[in-house]
Amino acid sequence: MTDTSAFHKNAKDAGNRLSTCIMNISSGATAVLFFAATQESASRLARWPRVWLLASLVLCALTVALRLFELHVDARRFFELARQTGLDANSQDWTRNDYLRELRLKLIFGSYWTLAAALACVTGFMATRLF
């Protein structure tokens, strides 16, 4: 038999690295897009490039917000795990932990979708600028 705790630790570490990567991409893109939107040339953009730029800016900011809220939920979940583990077996209630785990997964997958949509909007913006 293999020790599954090592696999769980590796999965958690990989998830944390992915979370860091998504947060870095989203926050960096938000800064760059905000900078692009505040330039003098941005006011001279046609309608569709402005729409793409604004949509990508909003989606990147939403991705950052989702990731930050996910980190908060994860911290609350570990606090709840520690609290429940400290109780005797008869009084332990894991429903709050189950709710937080499900909420965390929804936030993670939501951030994947918002990041993908933001990248699609950036692609649309670049396409309107180049063609």
Protein backbone atom coordinates (compact mmCIF):
# COMPACT_ATOMS: atom_id res chain seq x y z
CA MET A 1 0.00 0.00 0.00
CA THR A 2 1.17 3.51 -0.73
CA ASP A 3 0.76 6.45 1.56
CA THR A 4 -2.01 8.59 0.07
CA SER A 5 -1.15 11.59 2.24
CA ALA A 6 1.90 12.26 0.03
CA PHE A 7 -0.36 12.35 -3.03
CA HIS A 8 -2.77 14.71 -1.27
CA LYS A 9 0.13 16.98 -0.31
CA ASN A 10 1.43 17.02 -3.89
CA ALA A 11 -2.06 17.77 -5.22
CA LYS A 12 -2.47 20.63 -2.71
CA ASP A 13 0.97 22.05 -3.63
CA ALA A 14 0.16 21.85 -7.35
CA GLY A 15 -3.16 23.57 -6.74
CA ASN A 16 -1.45 26.33 -4.78
CA ARG A 17 1.07 26.88 -7.58
CA LEU A 18 -1.75 27.02 -10.12
CA SER A 19 -3.62 29.49 -7.93
CA THR A 20 -0.52 31.67 -7.69
CA CYS A 21 -0.04 31.55 -11.45
CA ILE A 22 -3.65 32.52 -12.16
CA MET A 23 -3.49 35.33 -9.61
CA ASN A 24 -0.26 36.68 -11.13
CA ILE A 25 -1.61 36.55 -14.68
CA SER A 26 -4.89 38.18 -13.72
CA SER A 27 -3.43 40.95 -11.60
CA GLY A 28 -0.71 41.69 -14.15
CA ALA A 29 -3.23 41.74 -16.98
CA THR A 30 -5.49 44.02 -14.97
CA ALA A 31 -2.64 46.49 -14.52
CA VAL A 32 -1.62 46.38 -18.17
CA LEU A 33 -5.19 46.70 -19.43
CA PHE A 34 -5.88 49.57 -17.03
CA PHE A 35 -2.75 51.29 -18.28
CA ALA A 36 -3.85 50.74 -21.88
CA ALA A 37 -7.32 52.07 -21.14
CA THR A 38 -6.00 55.27 -19.56
CA GLN A 39 -3.64 56.18 -22.38
CA GLU A 40 -4.50 59.13 -24.60
CA SER A 41 -4.71 56.85 -27.62
CA ALA A 42 -7.39 54.75 -25.88
CA SER A 43 -9.89 57.58 -26.17
CA ARG A 44 -9.43 57.45 -29.95
CA LEU A 45 -10.22 53.75 -30.20
CA ALA A 46 -13.18 52.65 -32.26
CA ARG A 47 -16.21 51.16 -30.53
CA TRP A 48 -15.34 47.44 -30.68
CA PRO A 49 -11.73 47.73 -29.53
CA ARG A 50 -12.98 49.76 -26.54
CA VAL A 51 -15.61 47.09 -25.79
CA TRP A 52 -13.00 44.31 -25.95
CA LEU A 53 -10.59 46.29 -23.78
CA LEU A 54 -13.21 47.11 -21.15
CA ALA A 55 -14.55 43.54 -21.09
CA SER A 56 -11.08 42.09 -20.63
CA LEU A 57 -10.30 44.59 -17.88
CA VAL A 58 -13.49 43.74 -16.00
CA LEU A 59 -12.98 39.99 -16.41
CA CYS A 60 -9.37 40.12 -15.22
CA ALA A 61 -10.39 42.14 -12.17
CA LEU A 62 -13.21 39.66 -11.51
CA THR A 63 -10.72 36.78 -11.73
CA VAL A 64 -8.52 38.46 -9.13
CA ALA A 65 -11.53 39.01 -6.87
CA LEU A 66 -12.62 35.37 -7.21
CA ARG A 67 -9.12 34.13 -6.36
CA LEU A 68 -8.86 36.39 -3.32
CA PHE A 69 -12.25 35.24 -2.07
CA GLU A 70 -11.22 31.62 -2.70
CA LEU A 71 -8.13 32.11 -0.53
CA HIS A 72 -10.35 33.52 2.21
CA VAL A 73 -12.72 30.56 1.98
CA ASP A 74 -9.77 28.15 2.06
CA ALA A 75 -8.45 29.76 5.24
CA ARG A 76 -11.91 29.55 6.83
CA ARG A 77 -12.14 25.90 5.81
CA PHE A 78 -8.84 25.04 7.50
CA PHE A 79 -9.92 26.93 10.61
CA GLU A 80 -13.13 24.91 10.63
CA LEU A 81 -11.17 21.66 10.16
CA ALA A 82 -8.94 22.53 13.10
CA ARG A 83 -11.94 23.45 15.25
CA GLN A 84 -13.84 20.26 14.46
CA THR A 85 -10.76 18.07 14.95
CA GLY A 86 -10.38 19.51 18.44
CA LEU A 87 -13.87 18.34 19.43
CA ASP A 88 -14.72 14.84 20.58
CA ALA A 89 -16.03 12.45 17.94
CA ASN A 90 -19.67 12.64 19.10
CA SER A 91 -19.94 16.43 18.75
CA GLN A 92 -18.09 16.85 15.45
CA ASP A 93 -20.16 18.34 12.61
CA TRP A 94 -18.58 18.46 9.16
CA THR A 95 -21.43 20.17 7.28
CA ARG A 96 -19.76 23.61 7.40
CA ASN A 97 -16.54 22.12 6.05
CA ASP A 98 -18.44 20.41 3.23
CA TYR A 99 -20.13 23.71 2.33
CA LEU A 100 -16.82 25.60 2.32
CA ARG A 101 -15.14 22.90 0.23
CA GLU A 102 -17.90 23.06 -2.39
CA LEU A 103 -17.85 26.87 -2.40
CA ARG A 104 -14.08 26.86 -2.85
CA LEU A 105 -14.33 24.55 -5.86
CA LYS A 106 -17.00 26.76 -7.44
CA LEU A 107 -14.78 29.81 -6.96
CA ILE A 108 -11.77 28.03 -8.44
CA PHE A 109 -13.65 26.89 -11.54
CA GLY A 110 -15.32 30.30 -11.83
CA SER A 111 -11.89 31.93 -11.92
CA TYR A 112 -10.82 29.54 -14.68
CA TRP A 113 -13.81 30.60 -16.78
CA THR A 114 -13.35 34.32 -16.14
CA LEU A 115 -9.66 34.08 -17.01
CA ALA A 116 -10.45 32.19 -20.22
CA ALA A 117 -13.08 34.78 -21.14
CA ALA A 118 -10.64 37.61 -20.37
CA LEU A 119 -8.02 36.04 -22.62
CA ALA A 120 -10.64 35.67 -25.37
CA CYS A 121 -11.49 39.37 -25.00
CA VAL A 122 -7.80 40.29 -25.18
CA THR A 123 -7.58 38.22 -28.35
CA GLY A 124 -10.61 40.04 -29.74
CA PHE A 125 -9.04 43.38 -28.85
CA MET A 126 -5.77 42.46 -30.55
CA ALA A 127 -7.62 41.16 -33.61
CA THR A 128 -9.51 44.43 -34.02
CA ARG A 129 -6.28 46.38 -33.66
CA LEU A 130 -4.28 44.27 -36.11
CA PHE A 131 -6.84 43.58 -38.82
